[in-house]
Amino acid sequence: MRILITNDDGINAPGLEVLLHIAQSLAGPEGEVWTVAPAFEQSGVGHCISYARPFMIAKLGPNRYAAEGSPADCVLAGLYEVLQDTRPDLILSGVNSGNNSAENALYSGTLGGAMEAALQGIPAIGLSQFKGPKTAALDDPFEAARVHGPDLVRKLWENGIWDDGAYRVFYSINFPPVGAADVKGTKVAAQGYRSDSFFSVSPAKAPNGRTFLWVKGGPQHTPTQPGTDAALNLEGYISVTPMRADLTAYDVLADLEARLA
């Protein structure tokens, strides 16, 4: 089995080492794991690609590359440069430092990489570690992902729904903000919505008098609707959310057509 891994926290991020452990566990001793990850942190870039400029890629070691681009760029580099003659069986993205539950999924570079993989026809999973006071007290804040990730990814790979449609399914896994021993289980969940967790900006004056804006997020520990991803994560469950890149609001198509007739 051949697996390509990437992330949005950068080639030296600790979560990437956790993902390598998960990927190696699934690939087995006869398999291959290849890394193509951003040279620098790319959090919040979503599914962006470097369409208007080229980006550099450098080999750092056996099966290990860094690219000066987004996670989606790294997937493209992996498929069409690094592994151009031997496409991977699976692409994993993460393990993100922080949750990609609820509306965070829309901004996530981690899921942007998984989405690009799905658009390229490759099965893909994005993995994220919810953070909080309980994980901050751990020696390894990625403990839940490290301990539970290998078995869950294997189970999803062997039993998940892997379609071959135009907008094929990919998956988002969020590990809860607790230690591995406190994880209550795994539940399939819809993407939730935090009604009070909007991004905003905060101004700051530079020494030269110019104004710069820092983007800041909202509360992360507000539960979403019962049974959705962030609510379950805060209850101690791992959430698995099937996703597609199709953004059509199917529930309003017929009504809109009637109104515009």
C-alpha atoms as a PDB file:
ATOM      1  CA  MET A   1       0.000   0.000   0.000  1.00  0.00           C
ATOM      2  CA  ARG A   2       1.240   3.475  -0.868  1.00  0.00           C
ATOM      3  CA  ILE A   3       0.144   6.457   1.254  1.00  0.00           C
ATOM      4  CA  LEU A   4       0.856  10.163   0.710  1.00  0.00           C
ATOM      5  CA  ILE A   5       0.642  12.429   3.753  1.00  0.00           C
ATOM      6  CA  THR A   6       0.497  16.199   4.074  1.00  0.00           C
ATOM      7  CA  ASN A   7      -0.737  18.844   6.531  1.00  0.00           C
ATOM      8  CA  ASP A   8      -1.259  22.583   6.933  1.00  0.00           C
ATOM      9  CA  ASP A   9       0.879  23.152  10.039  1.00  0.00           C
ATOM     10  CA  GLY A  10       4.138  22.677   8.154  1.00  0.00           C
ATOM     11  CA  ILE A  11       6.782  20.038   7.545  1.00  0.00           C
ATOM     12  CA  ASN A  12       8.163  20.283  11.106  1.00  0.00           C
ATOM     13  CA  ALA A  13       4.824  20.214  12.930  1.00  0.00           C
ATOM     14  CA  PRO A  14       4.451  17.563  15.664  1.00  0.00           C
ATOM     15  CA  GLY A  15       1.076  16.505  14.285  1.00  0.00           C
ATOM     16  CA  LEU A  16       2.751  15.384  11.053  1.00  0.00           C
ATOM     17  CA  GLU A  17       4.903  12.956  13.028  1.00  0.00           C
ATOM     18  CA  VAL A  18       1.712  11.530  14.560  1.00  0.00           C
ATOM     19  CA  LEU A  19       0.227  11.174  11.078  1.00  0.00           C
ATOM     20  CA  LEU A  20       3.369   9.402   9.883  1.00  0.00           C
ATOM     21  CA  HIS A  21       2.907   6.903  12.731  1.00  0.00           C
ATOM     22  CA  ILE A  22      -0.729   6.356  11.705  1.00  0.00           C
ATOM     23  CA  ALA A  23       0.156   5.986   8.027  1.00  0.00           C
ATOM     24  CA  GLN A  24       3.011   3.567   8.682  1.00  0.00           C
ATOM     25  CA  SER A  25       0.734   1.442  10.847  1.00  0.00           C
ATOM     26  CA  LEU A  26      -1.767   1.164   7.983  1.00  0.00           C
ATOM     27  CA  ALA A  27       0.776   0.712   5.186  1.00  0.00           C
ATOM     28  CA  GLY A  28       2.624  -2.041   7.021  1.00  0.00           C
ATOM     29  CA  PRO A  29       6.250  -3.139   6.575  1.00  0.00           C
ATOM     30  CA  GLU A  30       5.774  -3.820   2.860  1.00  0.00           C
ATOM     31  CA  GLY A  31       4.051  -0.484   2.194  1.00  0.00           C
ATOM     32  CA  GLU A  32       5.313   3.011   1.413  1.00  0.00           C
ATOM     33  CA  VAL A  33       4.603   6.328   3.105  1.00  0.00           C
ATOM     34  CA  TRP A  34       5.551   9.534   1.284  1.00  0.00           C
ATOM     35  CA  THR A  35       5.455  13.025   2.792  1.00  0.00           C
ATOM     36  CA  VAL A  36       4.887  16.233   0.835  1.00  0.00           C
ATOM     37  CA  ALA A  37       4.070  19.003   3.307  1.00  0.00           C
ATOM     38  CA  PRO A  38       4.219  22.809   3.324  1.00  0.00           C
ATOM     39  CA  ALA A  39       7.599  24.326   4.077  1.00  0.00           C
ATOM     40  CA  PHE A  40       5.840  26.869   6.318  1.00  0.00           C
ATOM     41  CA  GLU A  41       2.574  26.910   8.238  1.00  0.00           C
ATOM     42  CA  GLN A  42      -0.491  27.208   6.012  1.00  0.00           C
ATOM     43  CA  SER A  43      -3.301  27.168   8.580  1.00  0.00           C
ATOM     44  CA  GLY A  44      -6.558  28.703   7.381  1.00  0.00           C
ATOM     45  CA  VAL A  45      -5.766  28.613   3.673  1.00  0.00           C
ATOM     46  CA  GLY A  46      -8.647  26.254   2.913  1.00  0.00           C
ATOM     47  CA  HIS A  47      -8.532  24.712  -0.535  1.00  0.00           C
ATOM     48  CA  CYS A  48      -6.399  27.426  -2.137  1.00  0.00           C
ATOM     49  CA  ILE A  49      -3.825  26.606  -4.805  1.00  0.00           C
ATOM     50  CA  SER A  50      -0.880  28.686  -6.014  1.00  0.00           C
ATOM     51  CA  TYR A  51      -2.472  29.306  -9.395  1.00  0.00           C
ATOM     52  CA  ALA A  52      -0.808  32.681 -10.077  1.00  0.00           C
ATOM     53  CA  ARG A  53       2.755  31.808  -9.081  1.00  0.00           C
ATOM     54  CA  PRO A  54       5.098  28.804  -9.111  1.00  0.00           C
ATOM     55  CA  PHE A  55       6.225  27.194  -5.878  1.00  0.00           C
ATOM     56  CA  MET A  56       9.460  25.430  -4.999  1.00  0.00           C
ATOM     57  CA  ILE A  57       9.723  21.833  -3.826  1.00  0.00           C
ATOM     58  CA  ALA A  58      12.756  20.370  -2.067  1.00  0.00           C
ATOM     59  CA  LYS A  59      13.677  16.830  -1.074  1.00  0.00           C
ATOM     60  CA  LEU A  60      14.581  16.684   2.621  1.00  0.00           C
ATOM     61  CA  GLY A  61      15.210  12.963   2.908  1.00  0.00           C
ATOM     62  CA  PRO A  62      13.950   9.568   1.767  1.00  0.00           C
ATOM     63  CA  ASN A  63      10.269   9.884   0.797  1.00  0.00           C
ATOM     64  CA  ARG A  64      10.149  13.346   2.428  1.00  0.00           C
ATOM     65  CA  TYR A  65       9.564  16.633   0.591  1.00  0.00           C
ATOM     66  CA  ALA A  66       8.710  20.212   1.536  1.00  0.00           C
ATOM     67  CA  ALA A  67       6.851  22.532  -0.834  1.00  0.00           C
ATOM     68  CA  GLU A  68       6.453  26.300  -0.577  1.00  0.00           C
ATOM     69  CA  GLY A  69       2.719  26.097  -1.070  1.00  0.00           C
ATOM     70  CA  SER A  70      -0.625  25.145   0.409  1.00  0.00           C
ATOM     71  CA  PRO A  71      -1.757  21.633   1.383  1.00  0.00           C
ATOM     72  CA  ALA A  72      -3.660  21.392  -1.917  1.00  0.00           C
ATOM     73  CA  ASP A  73      -0.444  22.412  -3.704  1.00  0.00           C
ATOM     74  CA  CYS A  74       1.369  19.646  -1.831  1.00  0.00           C
ATOM     75  CA  VAL A  75      -1.185  17.091  -2.993  1.00  0.00           C
ATOM     76  CA  LEU A  76      -0.708  18.257  -6.583  1.00  0.00           C
ATOM     77  CA  ALA A  77       3.068  18.112  -6.176  1.00  0.00           C
ATOM     78  CA  GLY A  78       2.809  14.632  -4.718  1.00  0.00           C
ATOM     79  CA  LEU A  79       0.587  13.320  -7.501  1.00  0.00           C
ATOM     80  CA  TYR A  80       2.200  14.969 -10.523  1.00  0.00           C
ATOM     81  CA  GLU A  81       5.849  15.309  -9.503  1.00  0.00           C
ATOM     82  CA  VAL A  82       6.950  13.113  -6.609  1.00  0.00           C
ATOM     83  CA  LEU A  83       4.700  10.115  -7.342  1.00  0.00           C
ATOM     84  CA  GLN A  84       3.816  10.842 -10.946  1.00  0.00           C
ATOM     85  CA  ASP A  85       4.352   7.242 -12.064  1.00  0.00           C
ATOM     86  CA  THR A  86       3.045   5.520  -8.920  1.00  0.00           C
ATOM     87  CA  ARG A  87      -0.132   7.174  -7.619  1.00  0.00           C
ATOM     88  CA  PRO A  88      -0.919   6.611  -3.927  1.00  0.00           C
ATOM     89  CA  ASP A  89      -3.760   4.430  -2.740  1.00  0.00           C
ATOM     90  CA  LEU A  90      -4.699   6.887   0.026  1.00  0.00           C
ATOM     91  CA  ILE A  91      -3.924  10.470   1.020  1.00  0.00           C
ATOM     92  CA  LEU A  92      -3.969  11.523   4.677  1.00  0.00           C
ATOM     93  CA  SER A  93      -3.838  15.147   5.846  1.00  0.00           C
ATOM     94  CA  GLY A  94      -3.026  16.302   9.380  1.00  0.00           C
ATOM     95  CA  VAL A  95      -2.917  15.670  12.232  1.00  0.00           C
ATOM     96  CA  ASN A  96      -4.021  19.279  12.624  1.00  0.00           C
ATOM     97  CA  SER A  97      -3.189  21.121  15.829  1.00  0.00           C
ATOM     98  CA  GLY A  98      -6.715  22.168  16.760  1.00  0.00           C
ATOM     99  CA  ASN A  99     -10.178  21.135  15.707  1.00  0.00           C
ATOM    100  CA  ASN A 100     -11.629  21.274  12.232  1.00  0.00           C
ATOM    101  CA  SER A 101     -15.140  20.704  13.496  1.00  0.00           C
ATOM    102  CA  ALA A 102     -18.155  22.831  12.559  1.00  0.00           C
ATOM    103  CA  GLU A 103     -17.429  25.993  10.549  1.00  0.00           C
ATOM    104  CA  ASN A 104     -13.673  25.524  10.988  1.00  0.00           C
ATOM    105  CA  ALA A 105     -13.910  22.903   8.256  1.00  0.00           C
ATOM    106  CA  LEU A 106     -14.568  25.642   5.696  1.00  0.00           C
ATOM    107  CA  TYR A 107     -11.277  27.411   6.433  1.00  0.00           C
ATOM    108  CA  SER A 108      -9.155  24.334   7.041  1.00  0.00           C
ATOM    109  CA  GLY A 109      -6.032  23.766   4.990  1.00  0.00           C
ATOM    110  CA  THR A 110      -5.981  20.247   6.411  1.00  0.00           C
ATOM    111  CA  LEU A 111      -9.337  19.495   4.814  1.00  0.00           C
ATOM    112  CA  GLY A 112      -8.341  21.512   1.736  1.00  0.00           C
ATOM    113  CA  GLY A 113      -5.619  18.939   1.122  1.00  0.00           C
ATOM    114  CA  ALA A 114      -8.059  16.063   1.579  1.00  0.00           C
ATOM    115  CA  MET A 115     -10.566  17.767  -0.701  1.00  0.00           C
ATOM    116  CA  GLU A 116      -8.009  18.163  -3.474  1.00  0.00           C
ATOM    117  CA  ALA A 117      -7.135  14.500  -3.145  1.00  0.00           C
ATOM    118  CA  ALA A 118     -10.801  13.571  -3.549  1.00  0.00           C
ATOM    119  CA  LEU A 119     -11.130  15.817  -6.594  1.00  0.00           C
ATOM    120  CA  GLN A 120      -8.119  14.016  -8.057  1.00  0.00           C
ATOM    121  CA  GLY A 121      -9.868  10.678  -7.552  1.00  0.00           C
ATOM    122  CA  ILE A 122      -7.822   9.524  -4.546  1.00  0.00           C
ATOM    123  CA  PRO A 123      -9.424   8.345  -1.276  1.00  0.00           C
ATOM    124  CA  ALA A 124      -8.633  10.893   1.422  1.00  0.00           C
ATOM    125  CA  ILE A 125      -8.991  11.542   5.141  1.00  0.00           C
ATOM    126  CA  GLY A 126      -8.275  14.715   7.107  1.00  0.00           C
ATOM    127  CA  LEU A 127      -7.409  14.292  10.787  1.00  0.00           C
ATOM    128  CA  SER A 128      -7.507  16.952  13.500  1.00  0.00           C
ATOM    129  CA  GLN A 129      -6.825  17.021  17.237  1.00  0.00           C
ATOM    130  CA  PHE A 130      -9.214  19.216  19.242  1.00  0.00           C
ATOM    131  CA  LYS A 131      -7.230  21.102  21.904  1.00  0.00           C
ATOM    132  CA  GLY A 132      -8.316  22.241  25.374  1.00  0.00           C
ATOM    133  CA  PRO A 133      -7.303  22.370  29.049  1.00  0.00           C
ATOM    134  CA  LYS A 134      -7.149  18.580  29.315  1.00  0.00           C
ATOM    135  CA  THR A 135      -4.829  18.170  26.328  1.00  0.00           C
ATOM    136  CA  ALA A 136      -2.672  21.081  27.491  1.00  0.00           C
ATOM    137  CA  ALA A 137      -1.900  19.131  30.668  1.00  0.00           C
ATOM    138  CA  LEU A 138      -0.654  16.099  28.722  1.00  0.00           C
ATOM    139  CA  ASP A 139       2.962  15.390  27.815  1.00  0.00           C
ATOM    140  CA  ASP A 140       1.640  14.592  24.328  1.00  0.00           C
ATOM    141  CA  PRO A 141      -1.328  16.812  23.367  1.00  0.00           C
ATOM    142  CA  PHE A 142      -1.886  14.539  20.340  1.00  0.00           C
ATOM    143  CA  GLU A 143      -2.279  11.491  22.574  1.00  0.00           C
ATOM    144  CA  ALA A 144      -5.868  10.731  21.531  1.00  0.00           C
ATOM    145  CA  ALA A 145      -4.951  10.851  17.838  1.00  0.00           C
ATOM    146  CA  ARG A 146      -1.756   8.850  18.312  1.00  0.00           C
ATOM    147  CA  VAL A 147      -3.436   6.061  20.300  1.00  0.00           C
ATOM    148  CA  HIS A 148      -6.802   5.819  18.540  1.00  0.00           C
ATOM    149  CA  GLY A 149      -5.824   6.999  15.053  1.00  0.00           C
ATOM    150  CA  PRO A 150      -4.230   3.827  13.649  1.00  0.00           C
ATOM    151  CA  ASP A 151      -7.185   1.518  14.359  1.00  0.00           C
ATOM    152  CA  LEU A 152      -9.788   4.081  13.305  1.00  0.00           C
ATOM    153  CA  VAL A 153      -8.094   4.935  10.007  1.00  0.00           C
ATOM    154  CA  ARG A 154      -7.679   1.243   9.234  1.00  0.00           C
ATOM    155  CA  LYS A 155     -11.344   0.595  10.025  1.00  0.00           C
ATOM    156  CA  LEU A 156     -12.422   3.522   7.856  1.00  0.00           C
ATOM    157  CA  TRP A 157     -10.143   2.421   5.010  1.00  0.00           C
ATOM    158  CA  GLU A 158     -11.484  -1.144   5.116  1.00  0.00           C
ATOM    159  CA  ASN A 159     -15.152  -0.387   5.789  1.00  0.00           C
ATOM    160  CA  GLY A 160     -15.775   3.205   4.733  1.00  0.00           C
ATOM    161  CA  ILE A 161     -17.754   4.343   1.715  1.00  0.00           C
ATOM    162  CA  TRP A 162     -15.289   5.099  -1.073  1.00  0.00           C
ATOM    163  CA  ASP A 163     -17.327   6.100  -4.108  1.00  0.00           C
ATOM    164  CA  ASP A 164     -16.076   7.130  -7.528  1.00  0.00           C
ATOM    165  CA  GLY A 165     -18.533   9.882  -8.363  1.00  0.00           C
ATOM    166  CA  ALA A 166     -17.737  13.325  -9.721  1.00  0.00           C
ATOM    167  CA  TYR A 167     -17.555  14.766  -6.187  1.00  0.00           C
ATOM    168  CA  ARG A 168     -16.420  11.749  -4.274  1.00  0.00           C
ATOM    169  CA  VAL A 169     -16.622  11.365  -0.525  1.00  0.00           C
ATOM    170  CA  PHE A 170     -13.680  12.250   1.705  1.00  0.00           C
ATOM    171  CA  TYR A 171     -13.614  12.159   5.494  1.00  0.00           C
ATOM    172  CA  SER A 172     -12.905  14.488   8.393  1.00  0.00           C
ATOM    173  CA  ILE A 173     -11.880  12.922  11.708  1.00  0.00           C
ATOM    174  CA  ASN A 174     -11.763  15.081  14.839  1.00  0.00           C
ATOM    175  CA  PHE A 175     -10.240  13.640  18.011  1.00  0.00           C
ATOM    176  CA  PRO A 176     -11.696  15.078  21.238  1.00  0.00           C
ATOM    177  CA  PRO A 177      -9.821  17.414  23.620  1.00  0.00           C
ATOM    178  CA  VAL A 178      -9.095  14.692  26.177  1.00  0.00           C
ATOM    179  CA  GLY A 179      -6.452  12.096  26.906  1.00  0.00           C
ATOM    180  CA  ALA A 180      -6.545   8.782  25.090  1.00  0.00           C
ATOM    181  CA  ALA A 181      -7.957   6.918  28.105  1.00  0.00           C
ATOM    182  CA  ASP A 182     -10.881   9.350  28.334  1.00  0.00           C
ATOM    183  CA  VAL A 183     -12.061   8.920  24.729  1.00  0.00           C
ATOM    184  CA  LYS A 184     -15.598   7.506  24.933  1.00  0.00           C
ATOM    185  CA  GLY A 185     -15.762   6.073  21.439  1.00  0.00           C
ATOM    186  CA  THR A 186     -16.324   7.043  17.817  1.00  0.00           C
ATOM    187  CA  LYS A 187     -19.490   8.410  16.228  1.00  0.00           C
ATOM    188  CA  VAL A 188     -20.388   9.355  12.679  1.00  0.00           C
ATOM    189  CA  ALA A 189     -21.584  12.956  12.767  1.00  0.00           C
ATOM    190  CA  ALA A 190     -22.729  15.812  10.584  1.00  0.00           C
ATOM    191  CA  GLN A 191     -20.796  19.065  10.469  1.00  0.00           C
ATOM    192  CA  GLY A 192     -22.097  21.406  13.160  1.00  0.00           C
ATOM    193  CA  TYR A 193     -22.291  25.179  13.415  1.00  0.00           C
ATOM    194  CA  ARG A 194     -21.125  27.459  16.219  1.00  0.00           C
ATOM    195  CA  SER A 195     -23.448  30.452  16.190  1.00  0.00           C
ATOM    196  CA  ASP A 196     -21.074  32.637  18.244  1.00  0.00           C
ATOM    197  CA  SER A 197     -17.685  31.712  16.803  1.00  0.00           C
ATOM    198  CA  PHE A 198     -17.064  34.137  13.958  1.00  0.00           C
ATOM    199  CA  PHE A 199     -13.643  35.169  12.725  1.00  0.00           C
ATOM    200  CA  SER A 200     -12.861  38.864  13.049  1.00  0.00           C
ATOM    201  CA  VAL A 201      -9.887  41.212  12.976  1.00  0.00           C
ATOM    202  CA  SER A 202      -8.031  43.169  15.636  1.00  0.00           C
ATOM    203  CA  PRO A 203      -5.974  46.236  14.608  1.00  0.00           C
ATOM    204  CA  ALA A 204      -2.405  46.858  15.746  1.00  0.00           C
ATOM    205  CA  LYS A 205      -0.109  49.824  15.091  1.00  0.00           C
ATOM    206  CA  ALA A 206       3.384  49.125  13.795  1.00  0.00           C
ATOM    207  CA  PRO A 207       6.327  51.312  14.897  1.00  0.00           C
ATOM    208  CA  ASN A 208       6.181  53.085  11.522  1.00  0.00           C
ATOM    209  CA  GLY A 209       2.583  54.104  12.196  1.00  0.00           C
ATOM    210  CA  ARG A 210       0.938  51.759   9.751  1.00  0.00           C
ATOM    211  CA  THR A 211      -2.094  49.738  10.760  1.00  0.00           C
ATOM    212  CA  PHE A 212      -1.990  45.960  10.561  1.00  0.00           C
ATOM    213  CA  LEU A 213      -4.884  43.629  11.212  1.00  0.00           C
ATOM    214  CA  TRP A 214      -4.627  40.358  13.109  1.00  0.00           C
ATOM    215  CA  VAL A 215      -7.286  37.776  12.277  1.00  0.00           C
ATOM    216  CA  LYS A 216      -8.739  36.235  15.420  1.00  0.00           C
ATOM    217  CA  GLY A 217     -11.180  33.413  15.994  1.00  0.00           C
ATOM    218  CA  GLY A 218     -14.110  32.949  18.330  1.00  0.00           C
ATOM    219  CA  PRO A 219     -14.876  30.487  21.140  1.00  0.00           C
ATOM    220  CA  GLN A 220     -14.011  26.907  20.311  1.00  0.00           C
ATOM    221  CA  HIS A 221     -15.636  25.128  23.241  1.00  0.00           C
ATOM    222  CA  THR A 222     -19.216  26.140  22.538  1.00  0.00           C
ATOM    223  CA  PRO A 223     -21.231  23.002  21.719  1.00  0.00           C
ATOM    224  CA  THR A 224     -22.879  22.781  18.326  1.00  0.00           C
ATOM    225  CA  GLN A 225     -26.231  21.110  17.703  1.00  0.00           C
ATOM    226  CA  PRO A 226     -26.616  17.807  19.594  1.00  0.00           C
ATOM    227  CA  GLY A 227     -25.112  14.918  17.706  1.00  0.00           C
ATOM    228  CA  THR A 228     -22.955  17.055  15.404  1.00  0.00           C
ATOM    229  CA  ASP A 229     -19.163  17.010  15.300  1.00  0.00           C
ATOM    230  CA  ALA A 230     -18.067  19.666  17.795  1.00  0.00           C
ATOM    231  CA  ALA A 231     -20.784  18.730  20.309  1.00  0.00           C
ATOM    232  CA  LEU A 232     -19.650  15.112  20.256  1.00  0.00           C
ATOM    233  CA  ASN A 233     -15.980  16.109  20.480  1.00  0.00           C
ATOM    234  CA  LEU A 234     -16.674  18.147  23.604  1.00  0.00           C
ATOM    235  CA  GLU A 235     -18.468  15.136  25.076  1.00  0.00           C
ATOM    236  CA  GLY A 236     -15.319  13.052  24.563  1.00  0.00           C
ATOM    237  CA  TYR A 237     -16.135  11.286  21.299  1.00  0.00           C
ATOM    238  CA  ILE A 238     -14.139  11.039  18.088  1.00  0.00           C
ATOM    239  CA  SER A 239     -16.265  12.327  15.214  1.00  0.00           C
ATOM    240  CA  VAL A 240     -16.114  11.000  11.662  1.00  0.00           C
ATOM    241  CA  THR A 241     -17.800  13.247   9.091  1.00  0.00           C
ATOM    242  CA  PRO A 242     -18.228  12.253   5.433  1.00  0.00           C
ATOM    243  CA  MET A 243     -17.846  15.273   3.149  1.00  0.00           C
ATOM    244  CA  ARG A 244     -18.046  16.273  -0.520  1.00  0.00           C
ATOM    245  CA  ALA A 245     -16.719  19.298  -2.389  1.00  0.00           C
ATOM    246  CA  ASP A 246     -20.136  19.913  -3.999  1.00  0.00           C
ATOM    247  CA  LEU A 247     -21.402  23.217  -2.496  1.00  0.00           C
ATOM    248  CA  THR A 248     -24.880  23.115  -4.042  1.00  0.00           C
ATOM    249  CA  ALA A 249     -27.747  23.873  -1.638  1.00  0.00           C
ATOM    250  CA  TYR A 250     -29.975  21.073  -2.907  1.00  0.00           C
ATOM    251  CA  ASP A 251     -32.702  21.819  -0.378  1.00  0.00           C
ATOM    252  CA  VAL A 252     -33.570  25.139  -2.054  1.00  0.00           C
ATOM    253  CA  LEU A 253     -33.167  24.208  -5.744  1.00  0.00           C
ATOM    254  CA  ALA A 254     -36.803  23.458  -6.475  1.00  0.00           C
ATOM    255  CA  ASP A 255     -38.120  26.430  -4.485  1.00  0.00           C
ATOM    256  CA  LEU A 256     -35.690  28.809  -6.162  1.00  0.00           C
ATOM    257  CA  GLU A 257     -36.611  27.518  -9.612  1.00  0.00           C
ATOM    258  CA  ALA A 258     -40.305  28.127  -8.868  1.00  0.00           C
ATOM    259  CA  ARG A 259     -39.625  31.660  -7.595  1.00  0.00           C
ATOM    260  CA  LEU A 260     -37.627  32.589 -10.697  1.00  0.00           C
ATOM    261  CA  ALA A 261     -40.004  30.982 -13.192  1.00  0.00           C
END
